């Protein structure tokens, strides 16, 4: 049973924007933190952003600060990742993570 489903990926050009969505069918507890990670071809998985469910405290990876914003919607049980000013190096598969659960990922390709 898939508990996390990512969507919204696609192919864009440098400077474009995309919004990814993580839809959770599992219960997200107030103490949980929801994470976005990404993995580029041939590279290790990299932390992108996280949000604490209880108090909405957000943390960002250095490479995306000022360009990406993470939002949580408790009513819909979703977490969005709004990405602006996309760069070539933002290319990768983006994954949502809560506790030990991972989604299947959504692909983002930034190319000219």
C-alpha atoms as a PDB file:
ATOM      1  CA  UNK A   1       0.000   0.000   0.000  1.00  0.00           C
ATOM      2  CA  UNK A   2       1.509   3.274  -1.138  1.00  0.00           C
ATOM      3  CA  UNK A   3       1.347   5.782   1.674  1.00  0.00           C
ATOM      4  CA  UNK A   4       3.032   8.754   0.018  1.00  0.00           C
ATOM      5  CA  UNK A   5       2.474   9.838  -3.564  1.00  0.00           C
ATOM      6  CA  UNK A   6       4.500  12.577  -5.188  1.00  0.00           C
ATOM      7  CA  UNK A   7       3.336  14.453  -8.271  1.00  0.00           C
ATOM      8  CA  UNK A   8       4.036  17.601 -10.236  1.00  0.00           C
ATOM      9  CA  UNK A   9       7.389  16.807 -11.767  1.00  0.00           C
ATOM     10  CA  UNK A  10       8.208  17.576 -15.345  1.00  0.00           C
ATOM     11  CA  UNK A  11      10.676  19.031 -17.817  1.00  0.00           C
ATOM     12  CA  UNK A  12      11.360  22.737 -17.544  1.00  0.00           C
ATOM     13  CA  UNK A  13      13.929  25.288 -18.602  1.00  0.00           C
ATOM     14  CA  UNK A  14      16.360  27.101 -16.324  1.00  0.00           C
ATOM     15  CA  UNK A  15      14.613  29.905 -14.498  1.00  0.00           C
ATOM     16  CA  UNK A  16      11.214  28.220 -14.609  1.00  0.00           C
ATOM     17  CA  UNK A  17       9.068  27.223 -11.659  1.00  0.00           C
ATOM     18  CA  UNK A  18       7.402  23.979 -10.598  1.00  0.00           C
ATOM     19  CA  UNK A  19       5.332  22.904  -7.635  1.00  0.00           C
ATOM     20  CA  UNK A  20       5.564  19.356  -6.353  1.00  0.00           C
ATOM     21  CA  UNK A  21       2.917  17.769  -4.178  1.00  0.00           C
ATOM     22  CA  UNK A  22       3.222  14.944  -1.682  1.00  0.00           C
ATOM     23  CA  UNK A  23      -0.136  13.397  -0.843  1.00  0.00           C
ATOM     24  CA  UNK A  24      -0.111  11.263   2.280  1.00  0.00           C
ATOM     25  CA  UNK A  25      -2.592   8.506   3.000  1.00  0.00           C
ATOM     26  CA  UNK A  26      -0.954   7.723   6.324  1.00  0.00           C
ATOM     27  CA  UNK A  27      -1.503   9.619   9.548  1.00  0.00           C
ATOM     28  CA  UNK A  28       0.974  12.431  10.028  1.00  0.00           C
ATOM     29  CA  UNK A  29       1.429  13.078  13.718  1.00  0.00           C
ATOM     30  CA  UNK A  30       2.106  16.473  15.188  1.00  0.00           C
ATOM     31  CA  UNK A  31       5.586  15.373  16.189  1.00  0.00           C
ATOM     32  CA  UNK A  32       6.468  14.292  12.653  1.00  0.00           C
ATOM     33  CA  UNK A  33       8.618  16.167  10.242  1.00  0.00           C
ATOM     34  CA  UNK A  34       7.910  15.748   6.537  1.00  0.00           C
ATOM     35  CA  UNK A  35      10.905  15.812   4.243  1.00  0.00           C
ATOM     36  CA  UNK A  36      11.638  16.380   0.587  1.00  0.00           C
ATOM     37  CA  UNK A  37      14.802  14.791  -0.733  1.00  0.00           C
ATOM     38  CA  UNK A  38      16.143  14.547  -4.257  1.00  0.00           C
ATOM     39  CA  UNK A  39      18.529  12.287  -6.069  1.00  0.00           C
ATOM     40  CA  UNK A  40      20.372  13.247  -9.203  1.00  0.00           C
ATOM     41  CA  UNK A  41      21.714  10.588 -11.574  1.00  0.00           C
ATOM     42  CA  UNK A  42      24.849   9.040 -10.138  1.00  0.00           C
ATOM     43  CA  UNK A  43      24.638  11.021  -6.918  1.00  0.00           C
ATOM     44  CA  UNK A  44      23.523  10.359  -3.363  1.00  0.00           C
ATOM     45  CA  UNK A  45      20.148  11.376  -2.083  1.00  0.00           C
ATOM     46  CA  UNK A  46      20.215  14.997  -0.937  1.00  0.00           C
ATOM     47  CA  UNK A  47      18.102  16.784   1.652  1.00  0.00           C
ATOM     48  CA  UNK A  48      15.980  19.539   0.105  1.00  0.00           C
ATOM     49  CA  UNK A  49      13.518  20.778   2.707  1.00  0.00           C
ATOM     50  CA  UNK A  50      11.451  19.737   5.690  1.00  0.00           C
ATOM     51  CA  UNK A  51       8.519  21.000   7.687  1.00  0.00           C
ATOM     52  CA  UNK A  52       7.482  20.153  11.240  1.00  0.00           C
ATOM     53  CA  UNK A  53       3.825  19.204  11.288  1.00  0.00           C
ATOM     54  CA  UNK A  54       3.077  20.709  14.704  1.00  0.00           C
ATOM     55  CA  UNK A  55       4.505  24.175  14.366  1.00  0.00           C
ATOM     56  CA  UNK A  56       5.290  24.546  10.678  1.00  0.00           C
ATOM     57  CA  UNK A  57       8.983  25.117  11.325  1.00  0.00           C
ATOM     58  CA  UNK A  58      10.802  24.804   8.023  1.00  0.00           C
ATOM     59  CA  UNK A  59      14.356  23.855   7.185  1.00  0.00           C
ATOM     60  CA  UNK A  60      16.022  24.086   3.773  1.00  0.00           C
ATOM     61  CA  UNK A  61      19.104  22.669   2.179  1.00  0.00           C
ATOM     62  CA  UNK A  62      21.743  25.254   1.343  1.00  0.00           C
ATOM     63  CA  UNK A  63      21.423  24.700  -2.386  1.00  0.00           C
ATOM     64  CA  UNK A  64      17.727  25.630  -2.458  1.00  0.00           C
ATOM     65  CA  UNK A  65      17.460  28.387   0.157  1.00  0.00           C
ATOM     66  CA  UNK A  66      15.699  31.424  -1.193  1.00  0.00           C
ATOM     67  CA  UNK A  67      14.361  29.555  -4.221  1.00  0.00           C
ATOM     68  CA  UNK A  68      12.225  26.729  -2.791  1.00  0.00           C
ATOM     69  CA  UNK A  69       9.399  26.923  -0.274  1.00  0.00           C
ATOM     70  CA  UNK A  70       7.777  24.020   1.536  1.00  0.00           C
ATOM     71  CA  UNK A  71       4.134  24.218   2.560  1.00  0.00           C
ATOM     72  CA  UNK A  72       2.038  21.856   4.594  1.00  0.00           C
ATOM     73  CA  UNK A  73      -1.733  21.540   4.386  1.00  0.00           C
ATOM     74  CA  UNK A  74      -2.977  19.646   7.397  1.00  0.00           C
ATOM     75  CA  UNK A  75      -6.563  19.606   6.167  1.00  0.00           C
ATOM     76  CA  UNK A  76      -5.590  17.886   2.928  1.00  0.00           C
ATOM     77  CA  UNK A  77      -2.686  15.911   4.424  1.00  0.00           C
ATOM     78  CA  UNK A  78      -0.363  17.185   1.735  1.00  0.00           C
ATOM     79  CA  UNK A  79       2.995  18.872   1.559  1.00  0.00           C
ATOM     80  CA  UNK A  80       3.983  20.996  -1.406  1.00  0.00           C
ATOM     81  CA  UNK A  81       7.386  22.065  -2.594  1.00  0.00           C
ATOM     82  CA  UNK A  82       7.259  25.285  -4.555  1.00  0.00           C
ATOM     83  CA  UNK A  83      10.378  25.646  -6.674  1.00  0.00           C
ATOM     84  CA  UNK A  84      11.458  28.838  -8.409  1.00  0.00           C
ATOM     85  CA  UNK A  85      14.468  29.909 -10.432  1.00  0.00           C
ATOM     86  CA  UNK A  86      15.207  26.314 -11.288  1.00  0.00           C
ATOM     87  CA  UNK A  87      18.754  25.441 -12.269  1.00  0.00           C
ATOM     88  CA  UNK A  88      20.303  22.559 -14.193  1.00  0.00           C
ATOM     89  CA  UNK A  89      21.550  21.136 -10.916  1.00  0.00           C
ATOM     90  CA  UNK A  90      17.992  20.869  -9.580  1.00  0.00           C
ATOM     91  CA  UNK A  91      17.464  17.949 -11.941  1.00  0.00           C
ATOM     92  CA  UNK A  92      16.654  14.712 -10.167  1.00  0.00           C
ATOM     93  CA  UNK A  93      13.987  12.519  -8.689  1.00  0.00           C
ATOM     94  CA  UNK A  94      12.245  14.196  -5.782  1.00  0.00           C
ATOM     95  CA  UNK A  95      11.029  12.063  -2.914  1.00  0.00           C
ATOM     96  CA  UNK A  96       8.732  12.698   0.007  1.00  0.00           C
ATOM     97  CA  UNK A  97       9.524  11.085   3.356  1.00  0.00           C
ATOM     98  CA  UNK A  98       7.705  10.733   6.656  1.00  0.00           C
ATOM     99  CA  UNK A  99       9.166   8.522   9.366  1.00  0.00           C
ATOM    100  CA  UNK A 100      10.220   5.356   7.522  1.00  0.00           C
ATOM    101  CA  UNK A 101       7.848   5.853   4.599  1.00  0.00           C
ATOM    102  CA  UNK A 102       9.011   7.002   1.173  1.00  0.00           C
ATOM    103  CA  UNK A 103       7.106   7.836  -1.947  1.00  0.00           C
ATOM    104  CA  UNK A 104       8.017   6.561  -5.396  1.00  0.00           C
ATOM    105  CA  UNK A 105       9.371   9.941  -6.432  1.00  0.00           C
ATOM    106  CA  UNK A 106       8.602  12.430  -9.160  1.00  0.00           C
ATOM    107  CA  UNK A 107      11.131  13.387 -11.826  1.00  0.00           C
ATOM    108  CA  UNK A 108      12.260  16.955 -12.403  1.00  0.00           C
ATOM    109  CA  UNK A 109      14.398  17.721 -15.432  1.00  0.00           C
ATOM    110  CA  UNK A 110      15.848  21.173 -15.941  1.00  0.00           C
ATOM    111  CA  UNK A 111      17.336  21.557 -19.381  1.00  0.00           C
ATOM    112  CA  UNK A 112      17.580  24.065 -22.183  1.00  0.00           C
END
